């Protein structure tokens, strides 16, 4: 509920607030759908690759993730 300077709620102010909330909801939905589209496009590209290429990319990702984890954690996992 929005109040004017006189402390009275106006229908226009209430409608504007509802419109602003709806706009934010739609922007968030667009962001989520765009992210999902990107993920699906990546998955489609991976599915077109040969198993050897998929394995190489997965190994590279694991190495990147491990390096990032080492940097964030400040130490690596001790060898087994």
PDB file of N, CA and C in Angstrom:
ATOM      1  N   UNK A   1       0.845  -1.168   0.000  1.00  0.00           N
ATOM      2  CA  UNK A   1       0.000   0.000   0.000  1.00  0.00           C
ATOM      3  C   UNK A   1       0.897   1.238   0.000  1.00  0.00           C
ATOM      4  N   UNK A   2       0.650   2.161  -0.904  1.00  0.00           N
ATOM      5  CA  UNK A   2       1.446   3.372  -0.991  1.00  0.00           C
ATOM      6  C   UNK A   2       0.630   4.560  -0.521  1.00  0.00           C
ATOM      7  N   UNK A   3       1.294   5.476   0.115  1.00  0.00           N
ATOM      8  CA  UNK A   3       0.636   6.664   0.626  1.00  0.00           C
ATOM      9  C   UNK A   3       1.162   7.895  -0.091  1.00  0.00           C
ATOM     10  N   UNK A   4       0.298   8.865  -0.292  1.00  0.00           N
ATOM     11  CA  UNK A   4       0.723  10.142  -0.856  1.00  0.00           C
ATOM     12  C   UNK A   4       1.289  10.985   0.263  1.00  0.00           C
ATOM     13  N   UNK A   5       1.733  12.187  -0.060  1.00  0.00           N
ATOM     14  CA  UNK A   5       2.273  13.086   0.959  1.00  0.00           C
ATOM     15  C   UNK A   5       1.226  13.382   2.021  1.00  0.00           C
ATOM     16  N   UNK A   6      -0.029  13.348   1.631  1.00  0.00           N
ATOM     17  CA  UNK A   6      -1.106  13.607   2.581  1.00  0.00           C
ATOM     18  C   UNK A   6      -1.466  12.364   3.380  1.00  0.00           C
ATOM     19  N   UNK A   7      -0.813  11.237   3.085  1.00  0.00           N
ATOM     20  CA  UNK A   7      -1.086  10.016   3.836  1.00  0.00           C
ATOM     21  C   UNK A   7      -2.258   9.228   3.299  1.00  0.00           C
ATOM     22  N   UNK A   8      -2.657   9.473   2.066  1.00  0.00           N
ATOM     23  CA  UNK A   8      -3.800   8.791   1.476  1.00  0.00           C
ATOM     24  C   UNK A   8      -3.287   7.857   0.369  1.00  0.00           C
ATOM     25  N   UNK A   9      -3.798   6.678   0.342  1.00  0.00           N
ATOM     26  CA  UNK A   9      -3.429   5.727  -0.706  1.00  0.00           C
ATOM     27  C   UNK A   9      -4.223   6.058  -1.958  1.00  0.00           C
ATOM     28  N   UNK A  10      -3.515   6.102  -3.090  1.00  0.00           N
ATOM     29  CA  UNK A  10      -4.205   6.375  -4.347  1.00  0.00           C
ATOM     30  C   UNK A  10      -4.191   5.122  -5.209  1.00  0.00           C
ATOM     31  N   UNK A  11      -5.242   4.925  -5.981  1.00  0.00           N
ATOM     32  CA  UNK A  11      -5.265   3.760  -6.872  1.00  0.00           C
ATOM     33  C   UNK A  11      -4.093   3.774  -7.863  1.00  0.00           C
ATOM     34  N   UNK A  12      -3.725   4.935  -8.344  1.00  0.00           N
ATOM     35  CA  UNK A  12      -2.623   5.031  -9.298  1.00  0.00           C
ATOM     36  C   UNK A  12      -1.308   4.607  -8.653  1.00  0.00           C
ATOM     37  N   UNK A  13      -1.107   4.998  -7.406  1.00  0.00           N
ATOM     38  CA  UNK A  13       0.128   4.628  -6.706  1.00  0.00           C
ATOM     39  C   UNK A  13       0.166   3.127  -6.464  1.00  0.00           C
ATOM     40  N   UNK A  14      -0.951   2.541  -6.104  1.00  0.00           N
ATOM     41  CA  UNK A  14      -1.019   1.104  -5.879  1.00  0.00           C
ATOM     42  C   UNK A  14      -0.778   0.342  -7.180  1.00  0.00           C
ATOM     43  N   UNK A  15      -1.365   0.824  -8.260  1.00  0.00           N
ATOM     44  CA  UNK A  15      -1.179   0.199  -9.563  1.00  0.00           C
ATOM     45  C   UNK A  15       0.272   0.304 -10.007  1.00  0.00           C
ATOM     46  N   UNK A  16       0.899   1.435  -9.771  1.00  0.00           N
ATOM     47  CA  UNK A  16       2.298   1.623 -10.154  1.00  0.00           C
ATOM     48  C   UNK A  16       3.199   0.658  -9.379  1.00  0.00           C
ATOM     49  N   UNK A  17       2.932   0.492  -8.101  1.00  0.00           N
ATOM     50  CA  UNK A  17       3.737  -0.422  -7.289  1.00  0.00           C
ATOM     51  C   UNK A  17       3.560  -1.861  -7.773  1.00  0.00           C
ATOM     52  N   UNK A  18       2.339  -2.238  -8.098  1.00  0.00           N
ATOM     53  CA  UNK A  18       2.085  -3.582  -8.604  1.00  0.00           C
ATOM     54  C   UNK A  18       2.788  -3.780  -9.941  1.00  0.00           C
ATOM     55  N   UNK A  19       2.774  -2.756 -10.768  1.00  0.00           N
ATOM     56  CA  UNK A  19       3.453  -2.827 -12.058  1.00  0.00           C
ATOM     57  C   UNK A  19       4.953  -2.968 -11.902  1.00  0.00           C
ATOM     58  N   UNK A  20       5.516  -2.264 -10.930  1.00  0.00           N
ATOM     59  CA  UNK A  20       6.954  -2.339 -10.680  1.00  0.00           C
ATOM     60  C   UNK A  20       7.336  -3.733 -10.185  1.00  0.00           C
ATOM     61  N   UNK A  21       6.524  -4.312  -9.301  1.00  0.00           N
ATOM     62  CA  UNK A  21       6.789  -5.665  -8.812  1.00  0.00           C
ATOM     63  C   UNK A  21       6.707  -6.671  -9.960  1.00  0.00           C
ATOM     64  N   UNK A  22       5.710  -6.519 -10.798  1.00  0.00           N
ATOM     65  CA  UNK A  22       5.534  -7.427 -11.936  1.00  0.00           C
ATOM     66  C   UNK A  22       6.724  -7.308 -12.891  1.00  0.00           C
ATOM     67  N   UNK A  23       7.183  -6.090 -13.100  1.00  0.00           N
ATOM     68  CA  UNK A  23       8.342  -5.866 -13.969  1.00  0.00           C
ATOM     69  C   UNK A  23       9.570  -6.585 -13.419  1.00  0.00           C
ATOM     70  N   UNK A  24       9.792  -6.485 -12.120  1.00  0.00           N
ATOM     71  CA  UNK A  24      10.931  -7.171 -11.500  1.00  0.00           C
ATOM     72  C   UNK A  24      10.796  -8.688 -11.616  1.00  0.00           C
ATOM     73  N   UNK A  25       9.582  -9.189 -11.436  1.00  0.00           N
ATOM     74  CA  UNK A  25       9.353 -10.629 -11.569  1.00  0.00           C
ATOM     75  C   UNK A  25       9.654 -11.097 -12.987  1.00  0.00           C
ATOM     76  N   UNK A  26       9.214 -10.321 -13.970  1.00  0.00           N
ATOM     77  CA  UNK A  26       9.447 -10.695 -15.355  1.00  0.00           C
ATOM     78  C   UNK A  26      10.928 -10.618 -15.706  1.00  0.00           C
ATOM     79  N   UNK A  27      11.630  -9.614 -15.181  1.00  0.00           N
ATOM     80  CA  UNK A  27      13.070  -9.507 -15.434  1.00  0.00           C
ATOM     81  C   UNK A  27      13.806 -10.713 -14.857  1.00  0.00           C
ATOM     82  N   UNK A  28      13.420 -11.147 -13.673  1.00  0.00           N
ATOM     83  CA  UNK A  28      14.039 -12.317 -13.049  1.00  0.00           C
ATOM     84  C   UNK A  28      13.724 -13.576 -13.858  1.00  0.00           C
ATOM     85  N   UNK A  29      12.497 -13.681 -14.333  1.00  0.00           N
ATOM     86  CA  UNK A  29      12.119 -14.837 -15.142  1.00  0.00           C
ATOM     87  C   UNK A  29      12.927 -14.857 -16.443  1.00  0.00           C
ATOM     88  N   UNK A  30      13.124 -13.702 -17.062  1.00  0.00           N
ATOM     89  CA  UNK A  30      13.936 -13.616 -18.282  1.00  0.00           C
ATOM     90  C   UNK A  30      15.363 -14.055 -17.988  1.00  0.00           C
ATOM     91  N   UNK A  31      15.920 -13.607 -16.870  1.00  0.00           N
ATOM     92  CA  UNK A  31      17.281 -13.985 -16.504  1.00  0.00           C
ATOM     93  C   UNK A  31      17.393 -15.500 -16.338  1.00  0.00           C
ATOM     94  N   UNK A  32      16.437 -16.096 -15.632  1.00  0.00           N
ATOM     95  CA  UNK A  32      16.460 -17.538 -15.403  1.00  0.00           C
ATOM     96  C   UNK A  32      16.316 -18.319 -16.703  1.00  0.00           C
ATOM     97  N   UNK A  33      15.425 -17.880 -17.565  1.00  0.00           N
ATOM     98  CA  UNK A  33      15.214 -18.570 -18.831  1.00  0.00           C
ATOM     99  C   UNK A  33      16.418 -18.428 -19.752  1.00  0.00           C
ATOM    100  N   UNK A  34      17.059 -17.265 -19.730  1.00  0.00           N
ATOM    101  CA  UNK A  34      18.257 -17.057 -20.536  1.00  0.00           C
ATOM    102  C   UNK A  34      19.370 -17.978 -20.062  1.00  0.00           C
ATOM    103  N   UNK A  35      19.528 -18.105 -18.754  1.00  0.00           N
ATOM    104  CA  UNK A  35      20.533 -19.002 -18.190  1.00  0.00           C
ATOM    105  C   UNK A  35      20.245 -20.454 -18.583  1.00  0.00           C
ATOM    106  N   UNK A  36      18.980 -20.848 -18.491  1.00  0.00           N
ATOM    107  CA  UNK A  36      18.585 -22.211 -18.852  1.00  0.00           C
ATOM    108  C   UNK A  36      18.849 -22.460 -20.339  1.00  0.00           C
ATOM    109  N   UNK A  37      18.551 -21.474 -21.188  1.00  0.00           N
ATOM    110  CA  UNK A  37      18.807 -21.604 -22.626  1.00  0.00           C
ATOM    111  C   UNK A  37      20.286 -21.834 -22.881  1.00  0.00           C
ATOM    112  N   UNK A  38      21.131 -21.057 -22.217  1.00  0.00           N
ATOM    113  CA  UNK A  38      22.572 -21.196 -22.382  1.00  0.00           C
ATOM    114  C   UNK A  38      23.030 -22.600 -21.968  1.00  0.00           C
ATOM    115  N   UNK A  39      22.527 -23.079 -20.839  1.00  0.00           N
ATOM    116  CA  UNK A  39      22.892 -24.412 -20.363  1.00  0.00           C
ATOM    117  C   UNK A  39      22.462 -25.493 -21.356  1.00  0.00           C
ATOM    118  N   UNK A  40      21.257 -25.354 -21.914  1.00  0.00           N
ATOM    119  CA  UNK A  40      20.771 -26.343 -22.873  1.00  0.00           C
ATOM    120  C   UNK A  40      21.573 -26.302 -24.169  1.00  0.00           C
ATOM    121  N   UNK A  41      21.990 -25.109 -24.591  1.00  0.00           N
ATOM    122  CA  UNK A  41      22.817 -25.000 -25.789  1.00  0.00           C
ATOM    123  C   UNK A  41      24.170 -25.686 -25.579  1.00  0.00           C
ATOM    124  N   UNK A  42      24.738 -25.507 -24.389  1.00  0.00           N
ATOM    125  CA  UNK A  42      26.007 -26.166 -24.076  1.00  0.00           C
ATOM    126  C   UNK A  42      25.831 -27.687 -24.076  1.00  0.00           C
ATOM    127  N   UNK A  43      24.740 -28.141 -23.482  1.00  0.00           N
ATOM    128  CA  UNK A  43      24.468 -29.577 -23.430  1.00  0.00           C
ATOM    129  C   UNK A  43      24.297 -30.143 -24.834  1.00  0.00           C
ATOM    130  N   UNK A  44      23.621 -29.402 -25.696  1.00  0.00           N
ATOM    131  CA  UNK A  44      23.434 -29.848 -27.070  1.00  0.00           C
ATOM    132  C   UNK A  44      24.780 -29.967 -27.792  1.00  0.00           C
ATOM    133  N   UNK A  45      25.641 -28.978 -27.593  1.00  0.00           N
ATOM    134  CA  UNK A  45      26.959 -29.021 -28.221  1.00  0.00           C
ATOM    135  C   UNK A  45      27.768 -30.220 -27.725  1.00  0.00           C
ATOM    136  N   UNK A  46      27.689 -30.484 -26.431  1.00  0.00           N
ATOM    137  CA  UNK A  46      28.410 -31.629 -25.866  1.00  0.00           C
ATOM    138  C   UNK A  46      27.895 -32.940 -26.454  1.00  0.00           C
ATOM    139  N   UNK A  47      26.593 -33.023 -26.672  1.00  0.00           N
ATOM    140  CA  UNK A  47      26.022 -34.267 -27.180  1.00  0.00           C
ATOM    141  C   UNK A  47      26.442 -34.538 -28.618  1.00  0.00           C
ATOM    142  N   UNK A  48      26.872 -33.521 -29.340  1.00  0.00           N
ATOM    143  CA  UNK A  48      27.313 -33.683 -30.716  1.00  0.00           C
ATOM    144  C   UNK A  48      28.775 -34.126 -30.803  1.00  0.00           C
ATOM    145  N   UNK A  49      29.480 -34.079 -29.700  1.00  0.00           N
ATOM    146  CA  UNK A  49      30.900 -34.414 -29.695  1.00  0.00           C
ATOM    147  C   UNK A  49      31.113 -35.917 -29.605  1.00  0.00           C
ATOM    148  N   UNK A  50      32.266 -36.320 -30.073  1.00  0.00           N
ATOM    149  CA  UNK A  50      32.667 -37.718 -29.909  1.00  0.00           C
ATOM    150  C   UNK A  50      32.983 -37.956 -28.430  1.00  0.00           C
ATOM    151  N   UNK A  51      32.893 -39.197 -27.969  1.00  0.00           N
ATOM    152  CA  UNK A  51      33.187 -39.501 -26.558  1.00  0.00           C
ATOM    153  C   UNK A  51      34.588 -39.035 -26.139  1.00  0.00           C
ATOM    154  N   UNK A  52      35.560 -39.135 -27.041  1.00  0.00           N
ATOM    155  CA  UNK A  52      36.923 -38.716 -26.702  1.00  0.00           C
ATOM    156  C   UNK A  52      36.977 -37.215 -26.418  1.00  0.00           C
ATOM    157  N   UNK A  53      36.250 -36.443 -27.238  1.00  0.00           N
ATOM    158  CA  UNK A  53      36.213 -34.989 -27.033  1.00  0.00           C
ATOM    159  C   UNK A  53      35.497 -34.645 -25.733  1.00  0.00           C
ATOM    160  N   UNK A  54      34.422 -35.363 -25.457  1.00  0.00           N
ATOM    161  CA  UNK A  54      33.689 -35.134 -24.207  1.00  0.00           C
ATOM    162  C   UNK A  54      34.589 -35.410 -23.010  1.00  0.00           C
ATOM    163  N   UNK A  55      35.346 -36.491 -23.081  1.00  0.00           N
ATOM    164  CA  UNK A  55      36.249 -36.857 -21.985  1.00  0.00           C
ATOM    165  C   UNK A  55      37.314 -35.778 -21.787  1.00  0.00           C
ATOM    166  N   UNK A  56      37.903 -35.304 -22.882  1.00  0.00           N
ATOM    167  CA  UNK A  56      38.936 -34.272 -22.782  1.00  0.00           C
ATOM    168  C   UNK A  56      38.385 -33.004 -22.137  1.00  0.00           C
ATOM    169  N   UNK A  57      37.188 -32.596 -22.552  1.00  0.00           N
ATOM    170  CA  UNK A  57      36.591 -31.396 -21.975  1.00  0.00           C
ATOM    171  C   UNK A  57      36.263 -31.594 -20.502  1.00  0.00           C
ATOM    172  N   UNK A  58      35.773 -32.770 -20.155  1.00  0.00           N
ATOM    173  CA  UNK A  58      35.456 -33.049 -18.758  1.00  0.00           C
ATOM    174  C   UNK A  58      36.717 -33.023 -17.901  1.00  0.00           C
ATOM    175  N   UNK A  59      37.792 -33.612 -18.396  1.00  0.00           N
ATOM    176  CA  UNK A  59      39.058 -33.602 -17.651  1.00  0.00           C
ATOM    177  C   UNK A  59      39.576 -32.172 -17.470  1.00  0.00           C
ATOM    178  N   UNK A  60      39.471 -31.353 -18.512  1.00  0.00           N
ATOM    179  CA  UNK A  60      39.905 -29.959 -18.418  1.00  0.00           C
ATOM    180  C   UNK A  60      39.064 -29.210 -17.385  1.00  0.00           C
ATOM    181  N   UNK A  61      37.751 -29.484 -17.371  1.00  0.00           N
ATOM    182  CA  UNK A  61      36.868 -28.829 -16.389  1.00  0.00           C
ATOM    183  C   UNK A  61      37.228 -29.257 -14.975  1.00  0.00           C
ATOM    184  N   UNK A  62      37.508 -30.526 -14.783  1.00  0.00           N
ATOM    185  CA  UNK A  62      37.889 -31.023 -13.456  1.00  0.00           C
ATOM    186  C   UNK A  62      39.166 -30.343 -12.987  1.00  0.00           C
ATOM    187  N   UNK A  63      40.140 -30.202 -13.889  1.00  0.00           N
ATOM    188  CA  UNK A  63      41.390 -29.533 -13.521  1.00  0.00           C
ATOM    189  C   UNK A  63      41.145 -28.073 -13.144  1.00  0.00           C
ATOM    190  N   UNK A  64      40.298 -27.390 -13.931  1.00  0.00           N
ATOM    191  CA  UNK A  64      39.972 -25.980 -13.608  1.00  0.00           C
ATOM    192  C   UNK A  64      39.286 -25.882 -12.253  1.00  0.00           C
ATOM    193  N   UNK A  65      38.317 -26.769 -12.025  1.00  0.00           N
ATOM    194  CA  UNK A  65      37.588 -26.759 -10.756  1.00  0.00           C
ATOM    195  C   UNK A  65      38.518 -27.044  -9.578  1.00  0.00           C
ATOM    196  N   UNK A  66      39.435 -27.994  -9.749  1.00  0.00           N
ATOM    197  CA  UNK A  66      40.379 -28.313  -8.678  1.00  0.00           C
ATOM    198  C   UNK A  66      41.300 -27.133  -8.390  1.00  0.00           C
ATOM    199  N   UNK A  67      41.764 -26.477  -9.447  1.00  0.00           N
ATOM    200  CA  UNK A  67      42.628 -25.308  -9.264  1.00  0.00           C
ATOM    201  C   UNK A  67      41.879 -24.208  -8.519  1.00  0.00           C
ATOM    202  N   UNK A  68      40.631 -23.984  -8.931  1.00  0.00           N
ATOM    203  CA  UNK A  68      39.815 -22.967  -8.266  1.00  0.00           C
ATOM    204  C   UNK A  68      39.578 -23.330  -6.802  1.00  0.00           C
ATOM    205  N   UNK A  69      39.297 -24.596  -6.527  1.00  0.00           N
ATOM    206  CA  UNK A  69      39.055 -25.043  -5.159  1.00  0.00           C
ATOM    207  C   UNK A  69      40.315 -24.847  -4.310  1.00  0.00           C
ATOM    208  N   UNK A  70      41.478 -25.141  -4.894  1.00  0.00           N
ATOM    209  CA  UNK A  70      42.744 -24.944  -4.173  1.00  0.00           C
ATOM    210  C   UNK A  70      42.943 -23.480  -3.828  1.00  0.00           C
ATOM    211  N   UNK A  71      42.625 -22.605  -4.765  1.00  0.00           N
ATOM    212  CA  UNK A  71      42.789 -21.165  -4.526  1.00  0.00           C
ATOM    213  C   UNK A  71      41.815 -20.667  -3.475  1.00  0.00           C
ATOM    214  N   UNK A  72      40.597 -21.144  -3.514  1.00  0.00           N
ATOM    215  CA  UNK A  72      39.595 -20.702  -2.547  1.00  0.00           C
ATOM    216  C   UNK A  72      39.876 -21.290  -1.173  1.00  0.00           C
ATOM    217  N   UNK A  73      40.224 -22.575  -1.142  1.00  0.00           N
ATOM    218  CA  UNK A  73      40.439 -23.253   0.130  1.00  0.00           C
ATOM    219  C   UNK A  73      41.809 -22.998   0.731  1.00  0.00           C
ATOM    220  N   UNK A  74      42.727 -22.517  -0.060  1.00  0.00           N
ATOM    221  CA  UNK A  74      44.040 -22.225   0.461  1.00  0.00           C
ATOM    222  C   UNK A  74      44.944 -23.434   0.556  1.00  0.00           C
ATOM    223  N   UNK A  75      44.393 -24.608   0.217  1.00  0.00           N
ATOM    224  CA  UNK A  75      45.223 -25.813   0.245  1.00  0.00           C
ATOM    225  C   UNK A  75      44.525 -26.879  -0.592  1.00  0.00           C
ATOM    226  N   UNK A  76      45.277 -27.793  -1.064  1.00  0.00           N
ATOM    227  CA  UNK A  76      44.747 -28.870  -1.886  1.00  0.00           C
ATOM    228  C   UNK A  76      44.375 -30.062  -1.037  1.00  0.00           C
ATOM    229  N   UNK A  77      43.842 -31.055  -1.681  1.00  0.00           N
ATOM    230  CA  UNK A  77      43.514 -32.304  -1.003  1.00  0.00           C
ATOM    231  C   UNK A  77      44.792 -33.138  -0.950  1.00  0.00           C
ATOM    232  N   UNK A  78      45.154 -33.663   0.219  1.00  0.00           N
ATOM    233  CA  UNK A  78      46.359 -34.458   0.326  1.00  0.00           C
ATOM    234  C   UNK A  78      46.265 -35.701  -0.542  1.00  0.00           C
ATOM    235  N   UNK A  79      47.370 -36.121  -1.145  1.00  0.00           N
ATOM    236  CA  UNK A  79      47.327 -37.323  -1.980  1.00  0.00           C
ATOM    237  C   UNK A  79      46.955 -38.546  -1.170  1.00  0.00           C
ATOM    238  N   UNK A  80      46.278 -39.470  -1.807  1.00  0.00           N
ATOM    239  CA  UNK A  80      45.828 -40.682  -1.103  1.00  0.00           C
ATOM    240  C   UNK A  80      46.927 -41.701  -1.020  1.00  0.00           C
TER     241      UNK A  80
END
